[in-house]
Amino acid sequence: MGKEIQIEQCSGELNTFIIEPFVPHSQEDEYYVCIYSTKEGDTIYFYEQGGVDVGDVDSKAHKLDIVIGTYPTVEQITTGLLRGVPDSRKQLVADFICSLFKAYSDLFFTYLESTHSL
């Protein structure tokens, strides 16, 4: 903290960090989600396994493209992304991704990646 750092051509001071407390959970409760912007819209990647050992998610994750200015529906998320999620958890996970996308879009994020425990 308090030092200027440089990554490629960009330099600046890192002064804000988000740290969340550890909550004990099983590996089956962790999911990977990534949302990022492209010229055509936004893309959501979802994989039913999260954690530090998730590996190459680009080759494993389910992908859903979202047109600029729109929000995904629960149905789009459920059918497009949640194929590997148990039926008993699909509504919870779909609602979470919908809410996460709304925050991502409304706060003008361009990239968001997380492994969440639900």
N, C-alpha and C. Protein backbone atom coordinates (compact mmCIF):
# COMPACT_ATOMS: atom_id res chain seq x y z
N MET A 1 0.85 -1.18 0.00
CA MET A 1 0.00 0.00 0.00
C MET A 1 0.89 1.24 0.00
N GLY A 2 0.39 2.27 -0.64
CA GLY A 2 1.09 3.53 -0.62
C GLY A 2 2.23 3.63 -1.61
N LYS A 3 2.46 2.60 -2.40
CA LYS A 3 3.54 2.62 -3.39
C LYS A 3 2.94 2.60 -4.79
N GLU A 4 3.60 3.29 -5.70
CA GLU A 4 3.18 3.23 -7.09
C GLU A 4 3.71 1.94 -7.70
N ILE A 5 2.85 1.27 -8.45
CA ILE A 5 3.26 0.05 -9.15
C ILE A 5 2.99 0.22 -10.63
N GLN A 6 3.65 -0.58 -11.44
CA GLN A 6 3.44 -0.53 -12.88
C GLN A 6 3.17 -1.93 -13.40
N ILE A 7 2.11 -2.06 -14.19
CA ILE A 7 1.78 -3.29 -14.88
C ILE A 7 1.68 -2.94 -16.36
N GLU A 8 2.62 -3.44 -17.13
CA GLU A 8 2.77 -3.10 -18.54
C GLU A 8 2.88 -1.59 -18.68
N GLN A 9 1.98 -0.93 -19.43
CA GLN A 9 2.08 0.51 -19.63
C GLN A 9 1.27 1.33 -18.62
N CYS A 10 0.63 0.68 -17.70
CA CYS A 10 -0.24 1.36 -16.73
C CYS A 10 0.45 1.40 -15.37
N SER A 11 0.45 2.60 -14.77
CA SER A 11 1.02 2.70 -13.42
C SER A 11 0.06 3.47 -12.54
N GLY A 12 0.16 3.22 -11.26
CA GLY A 12 -0.71 3.89 -10.30
C GLY A 12 -0.56 3.27 -8.93
N GLU A 13 -1.30 3.81 -8.00
CA GLU A 13 -1.25 3.32 -6.62
C GLU A 13 -2.48 2.48 -6.33
N LEU A 14 -2.28 1.27 -5.85
CA LEU A 14 -3.39 0.44 -5.41
C LEU A 14 -3.74 0.88 -3.99
N ASN A 15 -4.98 1.32 -3.81
CA ASN A 15 -5.35 1.82 -2.48
C ASN A 15 -6.67 1.27 -1.96
N THR A 16 -7.33 0.43 -2.74
CA THR A 16 -8.61 -0.12 -2.31
C THR A 16 -8.61 -1.63 -2.56
N PHE A 17 -8.95 -2.38 -1.54
CA PHE A 17 -9.01 -3.83 -1.65
C PHE A 17 -10.32 -4.31 -1.05
N ILE A 18 -10.86 -5.36 -1.60
CA ILE A 18 -12.06 -5.97 -1.04
C ILE A 18 -11.63 -7.31 -0.44
N ILE A 19 -11.84 -7.45 0.84
CA ILE A 19 -11.48 -8.68 1.53
C ILE A 19 -12.72 -9.21 2.21
N GLU A 20 -13.02 -10.47 1.96
CA GLU A 20 -14.19 -11.06 2.59
C GLU A 20 -13.75 -12.13 3.58
N PRO A 21 -14.52 -12.31 4.63
CA PRO A 21 -14.14 -13.31 5.63
C PRO A 21 -14.31 -14.73 5.07
N PHE A 22 -13.52 -15.65 5.59
CA PHE A 22 -13.65 -17.04 5.19
C PHE A 22 -14.87 -17.64 5.87
N VAL A 23 -15.68 -18.32 5.08
CA VAL A 23 -16.85 -19.03 5.60
C VAL A 23 -16.66 -20.50 5.27
N PRO A 24 -16.56 -21.37 6.28
CA PRO A 24 -16.38 -22.80 5.99
C PRO A 24 -17.50 -23.33 5.08
N HIS A 25 -17.12 -24.10 4.08
CA HIS A 25 -18.09 -24.65 3.14
C HIS A 25 -17.44 -25.84 2.43
N SER A 26 -18.28 -26.63 1.76
CA SER A 26 -17.75 -27.77 1.01
C SER A 26 -17.45 -27.33 -0.43
N GLN A 27 -16.58 -28.06 -1.09
CA GLN A 27 -16.19 -27.75 -2.47
C GLN A 27 -17.40 -27.77 -3.42
N GLU A 28 -18.40 -28.61 -3.12
CA GLU A 28 -19.58 -28.70 -3.99
C GLU A 28 -20.41 -27.42 -3.96
N ASP A 29 -20.19 -26.55 -2.97
CA ASP A 29 -20.96 -25.32 -2.85
C ASP A 29 -20.31 -24.14 -3.57
N GLU A 30 -19.15 -24.35 -4.20
CA GLU A 30 -18.44 -23.26 -4.86
C GLU A 30 -18.70 -23.27 -6.35
N TYR A 31 -18.95 -22.07 -6.89
CA TYR A 31 -19.20 -21.88 -8.31
C TYR A 31 -18.32 -20.76 -8.84
N TYR A 32 -17.95 -20.86 -10.10
CA TYR A 32 -17.14 -19.84 -10.76
C TYR A 32 -18.05 -19.01 -11.66
N VAL A 33 -17.89 -17.69 -11.61
CA VAL A 33 -18.63 -16.81 -12.52
C VAL A 33 -17.71 -15.67 -12.96
N CYS A 34 -17.80 -15.33 -14.22
CA CYS A 34 -17.03 -14.23 -14.79
C CYS A 34 -17.93 -13.47 -15.75
N ILE A 35 -17.90 -12.16 -15.65
CA ILE A 35 -18.66 -11.30 -16.58
C ILE A 35 -17.66 -10.31 -17.15
N TYR A 36 -17.66 -10.16 -18.47
CA TYR A 36 -16.77 -9.17 -19.06
C TYR A 36 -17.43 -8.52 -20.28
N SER A 37 -16.96 -7.32 -20.59
CA SER A 37 -17.50 -6.54 -21.70
C SER A 37 -16.73 -6.81 -22.98
N THR A 38 -17.47 -6.78 -24.09
CA THR A 38 -16.89 -6.85 -25.43
C THR A 38 -17.49 -5.71 -26.24
N LYS A 39 -17.07 -5.58 -27.48
CA LYS A 39 -17.66 -4.54 -28.35
C LYS A 39 -19.14 -4.79 -28.60
N GLU A 40 -19.53 -6.06 -28.65
CA GLU A 40 -20.90 -6.42 -28.99
C GLU A 40 -21.84 -6.47 -27.79
N GLY A 41 -21.30 -6.53 -26.58
CA GLY A 41 -22.15 -6.65 -25.39
C GLY A 41 -21.34 -7.18 -24.22
N ASP A 42 -21.96 -8.00 -23.42
CA ASP A 42 -21.30 -8.59 -22.27
C ASP A 42 -21.38 -10.11 -22.39
N THR A 43 -20.43 -10.78 -21.78
CA THR A 43 -20.41 -12.24 -21.78
C THR A 43 -20.33 -12.73 -20.35
N ILE A 44 -21.15 -13.73 -20.04
CA ILE A 44 -21.11 -14.37 -18.73
C ILE A 44 -20.56 -15.77 -18.92
N TYR A 45 -19.51 -16.09 -18.16
CA TYR A 45 -19.00 -17.45 -18.08
C TYR A 45 -19.41 -18.01 -16.73
N PHE A 46 -19.85 -19.27 -16.72
CA PHE A 46 -20.22 -19.93 -15.47
C PHE A 46 -19.72 -21.36 -15.50
N TYR A 47 -19.15 -21.78 -14.37
CA TYR A 47 -18.72 -23.17 -14.24
C TYR A 47 -19.14 -23.66 -12.87
N GLU A 48 -19.65 -24.87 -12.83
CA GLU A 48 -20.22 -25.41 -11.59
C GLU A 48 -19.17 -25.85 -10.57
N GLN A 49 -17.92 -25.60 -10.83
CA GLN A 49 -16.85 -25.86 -9.86
C GLN A 49 -16.03 -24.59 -9.70
N GLY A 50 -15.86 -24.15 -8.46
CA GLY A 50 -15.07 -22.95 -8.21
C GLY A 50 -13.83 -23.29 -7.42
N GLY A 51 -13.27 -22.30 -6.80
CA GLY A 51 -12.09 -22.50 -5.96
C GLY A 51 -10.80 -22.22 -6.68
N VAL A 52 -9.71 -22.31 -5.94
CA VAL A 52 -8.41 -21.97 -6.50
C VAL A 52 -7.94 -22.98 -7.54
N ASP A 53 -8.47 -24.18 -7.53
CA ASP A 53 -8.05 -25.21 -8.47
C ASP A 53 -9.01 -25.37 -9.65
N VAL A 54 -9.72 -24.32 -9.99
CA VAL A 54 -10.73 -24.41 -11.05
C VAL A 54 -10.10 -24.75 -12.40
N GLY A 55 -8.86 -24.33 -12.64
CA GLY A 55 -8.18 -24.70 -13.87
C GLY A 55 -8.56 -23.82 -15.05
N ASP A 56 -8.57 -24.40 -16.23
CA ASP A 56 -8.82 -23.67 -17.48
C ASP A 56 -10.31 -23.50 -17.70
N VAL A 57 -10.87 -22.45 -17.12
CA VAL A 57 -12.32 -22.26 -17.22
C VAL A 57 -12.77 -21.91 -18.63
N ASP A 58 -11.89 -21.32 -19.43
CA ASP A 58 -12.28 -20.99 -20.80
C ASP A 58 -12.72 -22.22 -21.58
N SER A 59 -12.11 -23.34 -21.30
CA SER A 59 -12.47 -24.56 -22.03
C SER A 59 -13.60 -25.33 -21.35
N LYS A 60 -13.89 -25.03 -20.07
CA LYS A 60 -14.90 -25.77 -19.31
C LYS A 60 -16.22 -25.02 -19.12
N ALA A 61 -16.14 -23.71 -18.98
CA ALA A 61 -17.30 -22.92 -18.57
C ALA A 61 -18.37 -22.83 -19.65
N HIS A 62 -19.60 -22.65 -19.21
CA HIS A 62 -20.72 -22.38 -20.12
C HIS A 62 -20.73 -20.87 -20.36
N LYS A 63 -21.12 -20.46 -21.54
CA LYS A 63 -21.01 -19.07 -21.96
C LYS A 63 -22.37 -18.54 -22.40
N LEU A 64 -22.68 -17.32 -21.98
CA LEU A 64 -23.93 -16.66 -22.38
C LEU A 64 -23.61 -15.24 -22.79
N ASP A 65 -23.92 -14.88 -24.04
CA ASP A 65 -23.70 -13.52 -24.53
C ASP A 65 -24.95 -12.68 -24.29
N ILE A 66 -24.74 -11.47 -23.82
CA ILE A 66 -25.83 -10.55 -23.49
C ILE A 66 -25.69 -9.31 -24.38
N VAL A 67 -26.77 -8.94 -25.06
CA VAL A 67 -26.78 -7.77 -25.94
C VAL A 67 -26.66 -6.50 -25.10
N ILE A 68 -25.93 -5.52 -25.61
CA ILE A 68 -25.75 -4.25 -24.92
C ILE A 68 -27.11 -3.65 -24.55
N GLY A 69 -27.21 -3.17 -23.31
CA GLY A 69 -28.43 -2.50 -22.85
C GLY A 69 -29.52 -3.43 -22.37
N THR A 70 -29.25 -4.74 -22.31
CA THR A 70 -30.25 -5.68 -21.82
C THR A 70 -29.70 -6.43 -20.61
N TYR A 71 -30.60 -7.07 -19.90
CA TYR A 71 -30.23 -7.90 -18.76
C TYR A 71 -30.67 -9.33 -19.04
N PRO A 72 -29.89 -10.31 -18.60
CA PRO A 72 -30.31 -11.70 -18.81
C PRO A 72 -31.50 -12.05 -17.91
N THR A 73 -32.34 -12.93 -18.40
CA THR A 73 -33.46 -13.40 -17.59
C THR A 73 -33.03 -14.64 -16.81
N VAL A 74 -33.79 -14.97 -15.79
CA VAL A 74 -33.53 -16.19 -15.02
C VAL A 74 -33.58 -17.40 -15.95
N GLU A 75 -34.53 -17.40 -16.88
CA GLU A 75 -34.66 -18.53 -17.81
C GLU A 75 -33.42 -18.65 -18.71
N GLN A 76 -32.93 -17.53 -19.24
CA GLN A 76 -31.73 -17.57 -20.08
C GLN A 76 -30.54 -18.11 -19.30
N ILE A 77 -30.39 -17.66 -18.07
CA ILE A 77 -29.28 -18.11 -17.23
C ILE A 77 -29.42 -19.59 -16.91
N THR A 78 -30.61 -20.01 -16.53
CA THR A 78 -30.84 -21.40 -16.16
C THR A 78 -30.57 -22.34 -17.33
N THR A 79 -31.09 -22.03 -18.49
CA THR A 79 -30.91 -22.93 -19.64
C THR A 79 -29.54 -22.79 -20.28
N GLY A 80 -28.96 -21.59 -20.25
CA GLY A 80 -27.69 -21.37 -20.92
C GLY A 80 -26.46 -21.67 -20.09
N LEU A 81 -26.58 -21.57 -18.78
CA LEU A 81 -25.39 -21.67 -17.94
C LEU A 81 -25.41 -22.77 -16.89
N LEU A 82 -26.57 -23.15 -16.41
CA LEU A 82 -26.66 -23.96 -15.20
C LEU A 82 -26.90 -25.44 -15.43
N ARG A 83 -26.43 -25.97 -16.54
CA ARG A 83 -26.67 -27.38 -16.86
C ARG A 83 -26.10 -28.33 -15.82
N GLY A 84 -24.98 -27.98 -15.18
CA GLY A 84 -24.35 -28.87 -14.21
C GLY A 84 -24.73 -28.61 -12.77
N VAL A 85 -25.68 -27.71 -12.54
CA VAL A 85 -26.11 -27.36 -11.18
C VAL A 85 -27.31 -28.22 -10.81
N PRO A 86 -27.32 -28.78 -9.60
CA PRO A 86 -28.49 -29.58 -9.19
C PRO A 86 -29.78 -28.76 -9.26
N ASP A 87 -30.87 -29.39 -9.66
CA ASP A 87 -32.16 -28.70 -9.80
C ASP A 87 -32.55 -27.94 -8.54
N SER A 88 -32.23 -28.49 -7.38
CA SER A 88 -32.61 -27.87 -6.11
C SER A 88 -31.89 -26.54 -5.87
N ARG A 89 -30.83 -26.25 -6.63
CA ARG A 89 -30.05 -25.03 -6.43
C ARG A 89 -30.15 -24.05 -7.60
N LYS A 90 -30.77 -24.48 -8.69
CA LYS A 90 -30.79 -23.64 -9.90
C LYS A 90 -31.42 -22.28 -9.69
N GLN A 91 -32.54 -22.20 -8.99
CA GLN A 91 -33.21 -20.92 -8.77
C GLN A 91 -32.31 -19.96 -7.98
N LEU A 92 -31.69 -20.47 -6.92
CA LEU A 92 -30.79 -19.66 -6.10
C LEU A 92 -29.62 -19.13 -6.92
N VAL A 93 -28.98 -20.00 -7.68
CA VAL A 93 -27.81 -19.62 -8.47
C VAL A 93 -28.22 -18.65 -9.59
N ALA A 94 -29.34 -18.92 -10.25
CA ALA A 94 -29.82 -18.03 -11.32
C ALA A 94 -30.15 -16.64 -10.77
N ASP A 95 -30.82 -16.58 -9.64
CA ASP A 95 -31.13 -15.28 -9.02
C ASP A 95 -29.85 -14.52 -8.66
N PHE A 96 -28.86 -15.26 -8.12
CA PHE A 96 -27.59 -14.64 -7.77
C PHE A 96 -26.91 -14.04 -9.00
N ILE A 97 -26.84 -14.80 -10.09
CA ILE A 97 -26.18 -14.32 -11.31
C ILE A 97 -26.94 -13.13 -11.89
N CYS A 98 -28.26 -13.17 -11.87
CA CYS A 98 -29.05 -12.02 -12.33
C CYS A 98 -28.72 -10.76 -11.53
N SER A 99 -28.68 -10.89 -10.22
CA SER A 99 -28.37 -9.75 -9.35
C SER A 99 -26.94 -9.27 -9.56
N LEU A 100 -26.01 -10.22 -9.70
CA LEU A 100 -24.62 -9.87 -9.93
C LEU A 100 -24.47 -9.11 -11.25
N PHE A 101 -25.15 -9.58 -12.30
CA PHE A 101 -25.08 -8.91 -13.59
C PHE A 101 -25.66 -7.50 -13.51
N LYS A 102 -26.76 -7.35 -12.80
CA LYS A 102 -27.37 -6.02 -12.65
C LYS A 102 -26.40 -5.05 -11.98
N ALA A 103 -25.75 -5.49 -10.90
CA ALA A 103 -24.76 -4.63 -10.22
C ALA A 103 -23.60 -4.33 -11.16
N TYR A 104 -23.11 -5.35 -11.87
CA TYR A 104 -22.02 -5.20 -12.83
C TYR A 104 -22.36 -4.13 -13.86
N SER A 105 -23.55 -4.21 -14.42
CA SER A 105 -23.98 -3.29 -15.47
C SER A 105 -24.26 -1.89 -14.92
N ASP A 106 -25.02 -1.82 -13.84
CA ASP A 106 -25.41 -0.52 -13.28
C ASP A 106 -24.22 0.27 -12.74
N LEU A 107 -23.16 -0.42 -12.32
CA LEU A 107 -21.97 0.25 -11.78
C LEU A 107 -20.86 0.39 -12.82
N PHE A 108 -21.18 0.08 -14.09
CA PHE A 108 -20.27 0.27 -15.22
C PHE A 108 -18.98 -0.54 -15.11
N PHE A 109 -19.08 -1.75 -14.57
CA PHE A 109 -17.92 -2.64 -14.55
C PHE A 109 -17.60 -3.06 -15.98
N THR A 110 -16.38 -3.44 -16.23
CA THR A 110 -15.99 -4.02 -17.52
C THR A 110 -15.50 -5.45 -17.34
N TYR A 111 -15.17 -5.83 -16.10
CA TYR A 111 -14.69 -7.19 -15.81
C TYR A 111 -14.99 -7.53 -14.36
N LEU A 112 -15.51 -8.72 -14.14
CA LEU A 112 -15.78 -9.20 -12.79
C LEU A 112 -15.58 -10.72 -12.80
N GLU A 113 -14.81 -11.21 -11.88
CA GLU A 113 -14.55 -12.65 -11.80
C GLU A 113 -14.55 -13.07 -10.34
N SER A 114 -15.22 -14.19 -10.06
CA SER A 114 -15.30 -14.63 -8.67
C SER A 114 -15.62 -16.11 -8.60
N THR A 115 -15.21 -16.72 -7.51
CA THR A 115 -15.70 -18.03 -7.15
C THR A 115 -16.50 -17.82 -5.88
N HIS A 116 -17.77 -18.16 -5.95
CA HIS A 116 -18.68 -17.93 -4.83
C HIS A 116 -19.17 -19.22 -4.23
N SER A 117 -19.44 -19.14 -2.97
CA SER A 117 -20.06 -20.24 -2.26
C SER A 117 -21.53 -19.88 -2.05
N LEU A 118 -22.42 -20.72 -2.55
CA LEU A 118 -23.86 -20.44 -2.41
C LEU A 118 -24.52 -21.57 -1.67
